[in-house]
Amino acid sequence: MKLKFTKMHGCGNDYVYINGFTEKVPQKKKPELTRHLSDRHFGIGSDGVIFINPSDIADFEMEMYNADGSRSEMCGNGIRCVAKYVFDNGMTEKTELNIESFGKIKPISLTVRDNKAVLVRVDMGEPELLSEKIPVISETEKFIDKPVTAGNEEYRITAVSMGNPHAVIFRDPDETDIDKCGSVLEKHELFPKRTNVEFVRVLDKNNIRMRVFERGTGETLACGTGCCASVVASVLNGLTDRKVTVHVLGGDIDVEWSDKDSHVYMTGPAETVFTGEIGIEI
């Protein structure tokens, strides 16, 4: 069969987007399809696949899979692209909408120019800091600046969940072997659901540089939830203010951890690369 798709990215964090309203893929086939489409040599090439579906509790649902076919609870760059997709393709006229991901709703605000969404602001909700809910195995209620040994090396980690688990490490990312360090930490026994890993250098009170090893994918050019987790960790460790621009390999994402409602607000671009059809067997 021919499967229609759209390739999109948020700061270089690229996914294949499939309109679940019109393209019908059996649920049990989605992990295998994701691995095939994500392959950068034999498929389309992406950090994963995102299905845009109807929702009973929001305007739309985002169903997101990592490149290895594993399901993910949340994707910050992905949800911005979903919002752009549904607006640009006339599936909604709203510039304020709600998108469901893994049963949780994220409020979205669009900045529109020439009838296209060019900037997307997401209310990511409150960060989860309790160790058991992140989850990270710990004897302490929160996991802030804790030493962790992996691969014969010690890291100091602050664990945060933005709907998915993150391990934030304050270490110059450009002097770190991201693939080596990230791969051993992603599957560390302390993280029962695995974890995303961020390496952060603080530039000043309002700017940080971050590189990320994403769970189930590897290093990507950006990670929206990782940017949010990095800012939360920076504030918890007294390193930055609450409004921070996160400089990632693929661009810049603005994050604010509000002191009024404790919600994290993420603002960044979303871009359409191309659309097409691919022949597959389902």
C-alpha atoms as a PDB file:
ATOM      1  CA  MET A   1       0.000   0.000   0.000  1.00  0.00           C
ATOM      2  CA  LYS A   2       0.963   3.661  -0.342  1.00  0.00           C
ATOM      3  CA  LEU A   3       1.337   5.531   2.943  1.00  0.00           C
ATOM      4  CA  LYS A   4       1.174   9.318   2.889  1.00  0.00           C
ATOM      5  CA  PHE A   5       3.475  11.154   5.290  1.00  0.00           C
ATOM      6  CA  THR A   6       4.940  14.539   6.154  1.00  0.00           C
ATOM      7  CA  LYS A   7       8.501  15.111   7.320  1.00  0.00           C
ATOM      8  CA  MET A   8       8.775  17.880   9.943  1.00  0.00           C
ATOM      9  CA  HIS A   9      11.285  19.095  12.502  1.00  0.00           C
ATOM     10  CA  GLY A  10      11.588  21.310  15.551  1.00  0.00           C
ATOM     11  CA  CYS A  11      15.148  22.688  15.755  1.00  0.00           C
ATOM     12  CA  GLY A  12      16.387  19.667  13.803  1.00  0.00           C
ATOM     13  CA  ASN A  13      14.584  17.074  15.955  1.00  0.00           C
ATOM     14  CA  ASP A  14      12.891  15.416  12.970  1.00  0.00           C
ATOM     15  CA  TYR A  15       9.961  13.015  12.798  1.00  0.00           C
ATOM     16  CA  VAL A  16       7.779  11.407  10.186  1.00  0.00           C
ATOM     17  CA  TYR A  17       4.168  12.514  10.748  1.00  0.00           C
ATOM     18  CA  ILE A  18       1.264  10.318   9.717  1.00  0.00           C
ATOM     19  CA  ASN A  19      -2.319  11.571   9.643  1.00  0.00           C
ATOM     20  CA  GLY A  20      -4.216   8.952  11.634  1.00  0.00           C
ATOM     21  CA  PHE A  21      -7.523  10.373  10.404  1.00  0.00           C
ATOM     22  CA  THR A  22      -6.837   9.172   6.861  1.00  0.00           C
ATOM     23  CA  GLU A  23      -3.950   6.678   7.032  1.00  0.00           C
ATOM     24  CA  LYS A  24      -4.892   3.460   8.825  1.00  0.00           C
ATOM     25  CA  VAL A  25      -2.010   1.493  10.362  1.00  0.00           C
ATOM     26  CA  PRO A  26      -2.744  -1.485  12.655  1.00  0.00           C
ATOM     27  CA  GLN A  27      -1.601  -0.768  16.211  1.00  0.00           C
ATOM     28  CA  LYS A  28       0.612  -3.856  16.425  1.00  0.00           C
ATOM     29  CA  LYS A  29       2.432  -2.823  13.236  1.00  0.00           C
ATOM     30  CA  LYS A  30       3.399   0.663  14.408  1.00  0.00           C
ATOM     31  CA  PRO A  31       6.695  -0.235  16.149  1.00  0.00           C
ATOM     32  CA  GLU A  32       7.942  -2.167  13.115  1.00  0.00           C
ATOM     33  CA  LEU A  33       6.791   0.579  10.754  1.00  0.00           C
ATOM     34  CA  THR A  34       8.551   3.184  12.891  1.00  0.00           C
ATOM     35  CA  ARG A  35      11.863   1.327  12.737  1.00  0.00           C
ATOM     36  CA  HIS A  36      11.565   1.050   8.955  1.00  0.00           C
ATOM     37  CA  LEU A  37      10.576   4.664   8.302  1.00  0.00           C
ATOM     38  CA  SER A  38      13.137   6.085  10.751  1.00  0.00           C
ATOM     39  CA  ASP A  39      16.088   4.321   9.118  1.00  0.00           C
ATOM     40  CA  ARG A  40      18.215   7.031   7.523  1.00  0.00           C
ATOM     41  CA  HIS A  41      19.639   4.670   4.887  1.00  0.00           C
ATOM     42  CA  PHE A  42      16.729   2.397   3.936  1.00  0.00           C
ATOM     43  CA  GLY A  43      13.703   4.436   5.069  1.00  0.00           C
ATOM     44  CA  ILE A  44      12.704   8.087   5.108  1.00  0.00           C
ATOM     45  CA  GLY A  45      15.050   8.964   7.962  1.00  0.00           C
ATOM     46  CA  SER A  46      13.955  10.470  11.269  1.00  0.00           C
ATOM     47  CA  ASP A  47      14.232  10.441  15.045  1.00  0.00           C
ATOM     48  CA  GLY A  48      10.925   8.552  15.137  1.00  0.00           C
ATOM     49  CA  VAL A  49       7.336   8.535  13.922  1.00  0.00           C
ATOM     50  CA  ILE A  50       4.352  10.500  15.215  1.00  0.00           C
ATOM     51  CA  PHE A  51       0.736   9.641  14.449  1.00  0.00           C
ATOM     52  CA  ILE A  52      -1.825  12.467  14.585  1.00  0.00           C
ATOM     53  CA  ASN A  53      -5.085  10.932  15.793  1.00  0.00           C
ATOM     54  CA  PRO A  54      -8.593  11.887  16.908  1.00  0.00           C
ATOM     55  CA  SER A  55      -8.961  12.381  20.672  1.00  0.00           C
ATOM     56  CA  ASP A  56     -11.892  11.967  23.039  1.00  0.00           C
ATOM     57  CA  ILE A  57     -10.432  14.427  25.557  1.00  0.00           C
ATOM     58  CA  ALA A  58      -8.637  17.045  23.421  1.00  0.00           C
ATOM     59  CA  ASP A  59      -8.628  18.524  19.944  1.00  0.00           C
ATOM     60  CA  PHE A  60      -6.085  15.960  18.704  1.00  0.00           C
ATOM     61  CA  GLU A  61      -3.878  13.150  19.988  1.00  0.00           C
ATOM     62  CA  MET A  62      -0.133  12.788  19.436  1.00  0.00           C
ATOM     63  CA  GLU A  63       0.989   9.137  19.410  1.00  0.00           C
ATOM     64  CA  MET A  64       4.785   9.175  19.409  1.00  0.00           C
ATOM     65  CA  TYR A  65       7.358   6.425  18.797  1.00  0.00           C
ATOM     66  CA  ASN A  66      11.144   6.582  19.143  1.00  0.00           C
ATOM     67  CA  ALA A  67      13.335   5.431  16.259  1.00  0.00           C
ATOM     68  CA  ASP A  68      13.760   1.990  17.858  1.00  0.00           C
ATOM     69  CA  GLY A  69       9.985   1.467  17.846  1.00  0.00           C
ATOM     70  CA  SER A  70       9.476   2.081  21.572  1.00  0.00           C
ATOM     71  CA  ARG A  71       6.554   4.273  22.622  1.00  0.00           C
ATOM     72  CA  SER A  72       7.303   7.596  24.305  1.00  0.00           C
ATOM     73  CA  GLU A  73       5.052   9.509  26.648  1.00  0.00           C
ATOM     74  CA  MET A  74       5.865  12.999  25.407  1.00  0.00           C
ATOM     75  CA  CYS A  75       7.867  14.917  22.806  1.00  0.00           C
ATOM     76  CA  GLY A  76       8.196  18.682  23.077  1.00  0.00           C
ATOM     77  CA  ASN A  77       9.428  19.311  19.543  1.00  0.00           C
ATOM     78  CA  GLY A  78       6.966  16.754  18.221  1.00  0.00           C
ATOM     79  CA  ILE A  79       3.913  18.337  19.805  1.00  0.00           C
ATOM     80  CA  ARG A  80       4.840  21.728  18.349  1.00  0.00           C
ATOM     81  CA  CYS A  81       4.979  20.148  14.891  1.00  0.00           C
ATOM     82  CA  VAL A  82       1.635  18.406  15.435  1.00  0.00           C
ATOM     83  CA  ALA A  83       0.092  21.788  16.232  1.00  0.00           C
ATOM     84  CA  LYS A  84       1.570  23.291  13.073  1.00  0.00           C
ATOM     85  CA  TYR A  85       0.429  20.317  10.984  1.00  0.00           C
ATOM     86  CA  VAL A  86      -3.217  20.454  12.034  1.00  0.00           C
ATOM     87  CA  PHE A  87      -3.404  24.232  11.580  1.00  0.00           C
ATOM     88  CA  ASP A  88      -1.524  24.446   8.287  1.00  0.00           C
ATOM     89  CA  ASN A  89      -3.553  21.575   6.813  1.00  0.00           C
ATOM     90  CA  GLY A  90      -6.896  23.096   7.740  1.00  0.00           C
ATOM     91  CA  MET A  91      -7.782  20.485  10.360  1.00  0.00           C
ATOM     92  CA  THR A  92      -8.479  23.325  12.808  1.00  0.00           C
ATOM     93  CA  GLU A  93      -8.830  27.086  12.691  1.00  0.00           C
ATOM     94  CA  LYS A  94      -7.933  27.446  16.357  1.00  0.00           C
ATOM     95  CA  THR A  95      -4.765  29.225  17.420  1.00  0.00           C
ATOM     96  CA  GLU A  96      -5.389  28.044  20.990  1.00  0.00           C
ATOM     97  CA  LEU A  97      -5.875  24.273  21.155  1.00  0.00           C
ATOM     98  CA  ASN A  98      -5.299  21.200  23.302  1.00  0.00           C
ATOM     99  CA  ILE A  99      -3.282  18.170  22.248  1.00  0.00           C
ATOM    100  CA  GLU A 100      -3.315  14.860  24.099  1.00  0.00           C
ATOM    101  CA  SER A 101      -0.166  12.780  24.528  1.00  0.00           C
ATOM    102  CA  PHE A 102      -0.230   9.513  26.461  1.00  0.00           C
ATOM    103  CA  GLY A 103      -3.486  10.525  28.128  1.00  0.00           C
ATOM    104  CA  LYS A 104      -2.285  13.952  29.263  1.00  0.00           C
ATOM    105  CA  ILE A 105      -3.380  17.241  27.720  1.00  0.00           C
ATOM    106  CA  LYS A 106      -1.036  20.057  26.735  1.00  0.00           C
ATOM    107  CA  PRO A 107      -2.452  23.528  25.952  1.00  0.00           C
ATOM    108  CA  ILE A 108      -0.942  25.073  22.804  1.00  0.00           C
ATOM    109  CA  SER A 109      -0.728  28.662  21.517  1.00  0.00           C
ATOM    110  CA  LEU A 110       0.173  29.377  17.882  1.00  0.00           C
ATOM    111  CA  THR A 111       1.804  32.411  16.316  1.00  0.00           C
ATOM    112  CA  VAL A 112       0.525  32.611  12.733  1.00  0.00           C
ATOM    113  CA  ARG A 113       1.928  34.468   9.713  1.00  0.00           C
ATOM    114  CA  ASP A 114       0.481  34.263   6.207  1.00  0.00           C
ATOM    115  CA  ASN A 115      -1.941  31.561   7.377  1.00  0.00           C
ATOM    116  CA  LYS A 116       0.907  29.313   8.568  1.00  0.00           C
ATOM    117  CA  ALA A 117       1.949  28.524  12.144  1.00  0.00           C
ATOM    118  CA  VAL A 118       5.527  29.710  12.592  1.00  0.00           C
ATOM    119  CA  LEU A 119       5.989  29.610  16.364  1.00  0.00           C
ATOM    120  CA  VAL A 120       4.399  27.356  18.961  1.00  0.00           C
ATOM    121  CA  ARG A 121       4.135  27.833  22.734  1.00  0.00           C
ATOM    122  CA  VAL A 122       3.354  24.772  24.841  1.00  0.00           C
ATOM    123  CA  ASP A 123       2.220  24.667  28.454  1.00  0.00           C
ATOM    124  CA  MET A 124       4.191  21.600  29.505  1.00  0.00           C
ATOM    125  CA  GLY A 125       2.646  21.541  32.980  1.00  0.00           C
ATOM    126  CA  GLU A 126       4.484  21.084  36.249  1.00  0.00           C
ATOM    127  CA  PRO A 127       7.747  19.138  36.256  1.00  0.00           C
ATOM    128  CA  GLU A 128       7.722  15.925  38.273  1.00  0.00           C
ATOM    129  CA  LEU A 129      10.513  15.953  40.844  1.00  0.00           C
ATOM    130  CA  LEU A 130       9.578  13.011  43.081  1.00  0.00           C
ATOM    131  CA  SER A 131      12.046  10.180  42.539  1.00  0.00           C
ATOM    132  CA  GLU A 132       9.450   7.404  42.526  1.00  0.00           C
ATOM    133  CA  LYS A 133       7.352   9.154  39.888  1.00  0.00           C
ATOM    134  CA  ILE A 134      10.149  10.108  37.481  1.00  0.00           C
ATOM    135  CA  PRO A 135      11.017   7.197  37.989  1.00  0.00           C
ATOM    136  CA  VAL A 136      14.516   6.904  39.420  1.00  0.00           C
ATOM    137  CA  ILE A 137      15.492   4.470  42.150  1.00  0.00           C
ATOM    138  CA  SER A 138      16.596   6.532  45.119  1.00  0.00           C
ATOM    139  CA  GLU A 139      16.533   6.598  48.897  1.00  0.00           C
ATOM    140  CA  THR A 140      15.773  10.323  48.775  1.00  0.00           C
ATOM    141  CA  GLU A 141      12.484  12.000  47.882  1.00  0.00           C
ATOM    142  CA  LYS A 142      14.152  14.005  45.118  1.00  0.00           C
ATOM    143  CA  PHE A 143      17.204  13.255  42.999  1.00  0.00           C
ATOM    144  CA  ILE A 144      19.130  16.531  42.798  1.00  0.00           C
ATOM    145  CA  ASP A 145      22.888  16.654  42.125  1.00  0.00           C
ATOM    146  CA  LYS A 146      23.367  13.018  43.120  1.00  0.00           C
ATOM    147  CA  PRO A 147      26.520  11.031  42.226  1.00  0.00           C
ATOM    148  CA  VAL A 148      25.974   8.117  39.835  1.00  0.00           C
ATOM    149  CA  THR A 149      28.668   5.763  38.612  1.00  0.00           C
ATOM    150  CA  ALA A 150      28.364   4.353  35.112  1.00  0.00           C
ATOM    151  CA  GLY A 151      31.038   2.933  32.820  1.00  0.00           C
ATOM    152  CA  ASN A 152      33.729   3.481  35.474  1.00  0.00           C
ATOM    153  CA  GLU A 153      32.937   7.198  35.556  1.00  0.00           C
ATOM    154  CA  GLU A 154      31.045   9.317  38.079  1.00  0.00           C
ATOM    155  CA  TYR A 155      28.332  11.743  37.016  1.00  0.00           C
ATOM    156  CA  ARG A 156      26.341  14.160  39.135  1.00  0.00           C
ATOM    157  CA  ILE A 157      22.739  13.875  38.021  1.00  0.00           C
ATOM    158  CA  THR A 158      19.556  15.832  38.610  1.00  0.00           C
ATOM    159  CA  ALA A 159      16.516  13.781  37.614  1.00  0.00           C
ATOM    160  CA  VAL A 160      13.364  15.434  36.292  1.00  0.00           C
ATOM    161  CA  SER A 161      10.287  14.168  34.468  1.00  0.00           C
ATOM    162  CA  MET A 162       8.499  16.305  31.897  1.00  0.00           C
ATOM    163  CA  GLY A 163       6.096  13.457  31.183  1.00  0.00           C
ATOM    164  CA  ASN A 164       9.170  11.374  30.336  1.00  0.00           C
ATOM    165  CA  PRO A 165      12.333  10.823  32.417  1.00  0.00           C
ATOM    166  CA  HIS A 166      15.457  12.981  32.127  1.00  0.00           C
ATOM    167  CA  ALA A 167      18.905  12.837  33.711  1.00  0.00           C
ATOM    168  CA  VAL A 168      20.556  16.260  33.578  1.00  0.00           C
ATOM    169  CA  ILE A 169      24.320  16.543  33.967  1.00  0.00           C
ATOM    170  CA  PHE A 170      26.217  19.838  34.193  1.00  0.00           C
ATOM    171  CA  ARG A 171      29.216  19.080  32.040  1.00  0.00           C
ATOM    172  CA  ASP A 172      30.473  20.799  28.883  1.00  0.00           C
ATOM    173  CA  PRO A 173      28.647  18.900  26.127  1.00  0.00           C
ATOM    174  CA  ASP A 174      31.301  19.729  23.541  1.00  0.00           C
ATOM    175  CA  GLU A 175      33.934  18.015  25.668  1.00  0.00           C
ATOM    176  CA  THR A 176      31.786  14.928  26.282  1.00  0.00           C
ATOM    177  CA  ASP A 177      31.455  11.749  24.244  1.00  0.00           C
ATOM    178  CA  ILE A 178      27.657  12.025  23.999  1.00  0.00           C
ATOM    179  CA  ASP A 179      27.077   8.597  22.436  1.00  0.00           C
ATOM    180  CA  LYS A 180      29.328   6.759  24.881  1.00  0.00           C
ATOM    181  CA  CYS A 181      28.139   8.483  28.046  1.00  0.00           C
ATOM    182  CA  GLY A 182      24.520   8.723  26.972  1.00  0.00           C
ATOM    183  CA  SER A 183      24.211   5.064  26.041  1.00  0.00           C
ATOM    184  CA  VAL A 184      25.432   3.790  29.413  1.00  0.00           C
ATOM    185  CA  LEU A 185      23.282   6.225  31.373  1.00  0.00           C
ATOM    186  CA  GLU A 186      20.125   5.706  29.299  1.00  0.00           C
ATOM    187  CA  LYS A 187      19.941   2.070  30.435  1.00  0.00           C
ATOM    188  CA  HIS A 188      21.394   2.532  33.930  1.00  0.00           C
ATOM    189  CA  GLU A 189      19.728   0.344  36.548  1.00  0.00           C
ATOM    190  CA  LEU A 190      18.614   3.425  38.482  1.00  0.00           C
ATOM    191  CA  PHE A 191      16.168   4.261  35.685  1.00  0.00           C
ATOM    192  CA  PRO A 192      13.600   1.431  35.403  1.00  0.00           C
ATOM    193  CA  LYS A 193      11.987   2.991  32.300  1.00  0.00           C
ATOM    194  CA  ARG A 194      15.337   4.130  30.875  1.00  0.00           C
ATOM    195  CA  THR A 195      16.034   7.849  30.606  1.00  0.00           C
ATOM    196  CA  ASN A 196      16.908  10.710  28.300  1.00  0.00           C
ATOM    197  CA  VAL A 197      20.285  12.234  29.137  1.00  0.00           C
ATOM    198  CA  GLU A 198      21.175  15.931  28.877  1.00  0.00           C
ATOM    199  CA  PHE A 199      24.656  17.435  29.083  1.00  0.00           C
ATOM    200  CA  VAL A 200      24.501  21.138  29.962  1.00  0.00           C
ATOM    201  CA  ARG A 201      26.919  24.066  30.099  1.00  0.00           C
ATOM    202  CA  VAL A 202      25.608  27.208  31.788  1.00  0.00           C
ATOM    203  CA  LEU A 203      26.572  30.310  29.784  1.00  0.00           C
ATOM    204  CA  ASP A 204      24.926  32.855  32.068  1.00  0.00           C
ATOM    205  CA  LYS A 205      21.775  33.265  34.146  1.00  0.00           C
ATOM    206  CA  ASN A 206      19.554  33.265  31.044  1.00  0.00           C
ATOM    207  CA  ASN A 207      21.392  31.039  28.573  1.00  0.00           C
ATOM    208  CA  ILE A 208      22.520  27.423  28.586  1.00  0.00           C
ATOM    209  CA  ARG A 209      23.992  25.133  25.951  1.00  0.00           C
ATOM    210  CA  MET A 210      22.658  21.569  25.848  1.00  0.00           C
ATOM    211  CA  ARG A 211      23.208  18.360  23.916  1.00  0.00           C
ATOM    212  CA  VAL A 212      20.956  15.356  24.387  1.00  0.00           C
ATOM    213  CA  PHE A 213      21.001  11.589  24.102  1.00  0.00           C
ATOM    214  CA  GLU A 214      17.374  10.609  23.613  1.00  0.00           C
ATOM    215  CA  ARG A 215      15.995   7.370  24.988  1.00  0.00           C
ATOM    216  CA  GLY A 216      15.470   4.900  22.168  1.00  0.00           C
ATOM    217  CA  THR A 217      17.072   7.103  19.520  1.00  0.00           C
ATOM    218  CA  GLY A 218      20.547   8.389  20.429  1.00  0.00           C
ATOM    219  CA  GLU A 219      21.855  11.927  20.085  1.00  0.00           C
ATOM    220  CA  THR A 220      19.412  14.293  18.380  1.00  0.00           C
ATOM    221  CA  LEU A 221      19.743  17.921  17.337  1.00  0.00           C
ATOM    222  CA  ALA A 222      17.152  19.012  19.902  1.00  0.00           C
ATOM    223  CA  CYS A 223      14.746  17.707  22.541  1.00  0.00           C
ATOM    224  CA  GLY A 224      11.896  19.899  23.744  1.00  0.00           C
ATOM    225  CA  THR A 225      11.253  18.032  26.974  1.00  0.00           C
ATOM    226  CA  GLY A 226      15.029  17.875  27.468  1.00  0.00           C
ATOM    227  CA  CYS A 227      15.268  21.656  27.185  1.00  0.00           C
ATOM    228  CA  CYS A 228      12.540  21.991  29.797  1.00  0.00           C
ATOM    229  CA  ALA A 229      14.154  19.472  32.128  1.00  0.00           C
ATOM    230  CA  SER A 230      17.527  21.195  31.734  1.00  0.00           C
ATOM    231  CA  VAL A 231      16.084  24.554  32.762  1.00  0.00           C
ATOM    232  CA  VAL A 232      14.284  23.035  35.746  1.00  0.00           C
ATOM    233  CA  ALA A 233      17.512  21.329  36.826  1.00  0.00           C
ATOM    234  CA  SER A 234      19.459  24.570  36.347  1.00  0.00           C
ATOM    235  CA  VAL A 235      17.032  26.429  38.613  1.00  0.00           C
ATOM    236  CA  LEU A 236      17.064  23.646  41.222  1.00  0.00           C
ATOM    237  CA  ASN A 237      20.844  23.823  41.360  1.00  0.00           C
ATOM    238  CA  GLY A 238      20.860  27.628  41.631  1.00  0.00           C
ATOM    239  CA  LEU A 239      22.598  28.114  38.285  1.00  0.00           C
ATOM    240  CA  THR A 240      20.089  30.154  36.254  1.00  0.00           C
ATOM    241  CA  ASP A 241      17.010  32.335  36.440  1.00  0.00           C
ATOM    242  CA  ARG A 242      13.604  30.892  35.520  1.00  0.00           C
ATOM    243  CA  LYS A 243      13.563  32.304  31.965  1.00  0.00           C
ATOM    244  CA  VAL A 244      16.259  30.675  29.886  1.00  0.00           C
ATOM    245  CA  THR A 245      17.137  30.301  26.210  1.00  0.00           C
ATOM    246  CA  VAL A 246      18.397  26.788  25.550  1.00  0.00           C
ATOM    247  CA  HIS A 247      20.913  26.596  22.712  1.00  0.00           C
ATOM    248  CA  VAL A 248      20.831  23.142  21.108  1.00  0.00           C
ATOM    249  CA  LEU A 249      22.555  21.849  17.989  1.00  0.00           C
ATOM    250  CA  GLY A 250      19.495  22.583  15.860  1.00  0.00           C
ATOM    251  CA  GLY A 251      18.631  26.072  17.134  1.00  0.00           C
ATOM    252  CA  ASP A 252      17.204  27.859  20.162  1.00  0.00           C
ATOM    253  CA  ILE A 253      14.224  27.071  22.401  1.00  0.00           C
ATOM    254  CA  ASP A 254      12.897  29.475  25.033  1.00  0.00           C
ATOM    255  CA  VAL A 255      11.815  27.953  28.348  1.00  0.00           C
ATOM    256  CA  GLU A 256      10.211  29.540  31.389  1.00  0.00           C
ATOM    257  CA  TRP A 257       9.563  27.740  34.672  1.00  0.00           C
ATOM    258  CA  SER A 258       6.883  30.029  36.063  1.00  0.00           C
ATOM    259  CA  ASP A 259       7.049  30.920  39.740  1.00  0.00           C
ATOM    260  CA  LYS A 260       3.312  31.710  39.621  1.00  0.00           C
ATOM    261  CA  ASP A 261       1.846  28.319  38.689  1.00  0.00           C
ATOM    262  CA  SER A 262       5.020  26.138  38.613  1.00  0.00           C
ATOM    263  CA  HIS A 263       4.255  25.230  34.994  1.00  0.00           C
ATOM    264  CA  VAL A 264       7.003  25.040  32.392  1.00  0.00           C
ATOM    265  CA  TYR A 265       6.339  26.978  29.185  1.00  0.00           C
ATOM    266  CA  MET A 266       8.287  26.091  26.047  1.00  0.00           C
ATOM    267  CA  THR A 267       8.339  28.239  22.905  1.00  0.00           C
ATOM    268  CA  GLY A 268      10.027  27.272  19.666  1.00  0.00           C
ATOM    269  CA  PRO A 269       9.721  26.851  15.911  1.00  0.00           C
ATOM    270  CA  ALA A 270       8.159  24.054  13.880  1.00  0.00           C
ATOM    271  CA  GLU A 271       9.032  23.427  10.245  1.00  0.00           C
ATOM    272  CA  THR A 272       7.627  21.302   7.434  1.00  0.00           C
ATOM    273  CA  VAL A 273      10.375  19.721   5.313  1.00  0.00           C
ATOM    274  CA  PHE A 274       8.444  17.768   2.665  1.00  0.00           C
ATOM    275  CA  THR A 275       5.461  15.514   2.062  1.00  0.00           C
ATOM    276  CA  GLY A 276       5.332  12.273   0.124  1.00  0.00           C
ATOM    277  CA  GLU A 277       4.165   8.701  -0.232  1.00  0.00           C
ATOM    278  CA  ILE A 278       6.053   5.508   0.505  1.00  0.00           C
ATOM    279  CA  GLY A 279       5.194   1.986  -0.524  1.00  0.00           C
ATOM    280  CA  ILE A 280       5.006  -0.386   2.448  1.00  0.00           C
ATOM    281  CA  GLU A 281       3.580  -3.726   3.423  1.00  0.00           C
ATOM    282  CA  ILE A 282       1.276  -3.670   6.446  1.00  0.00           C
END
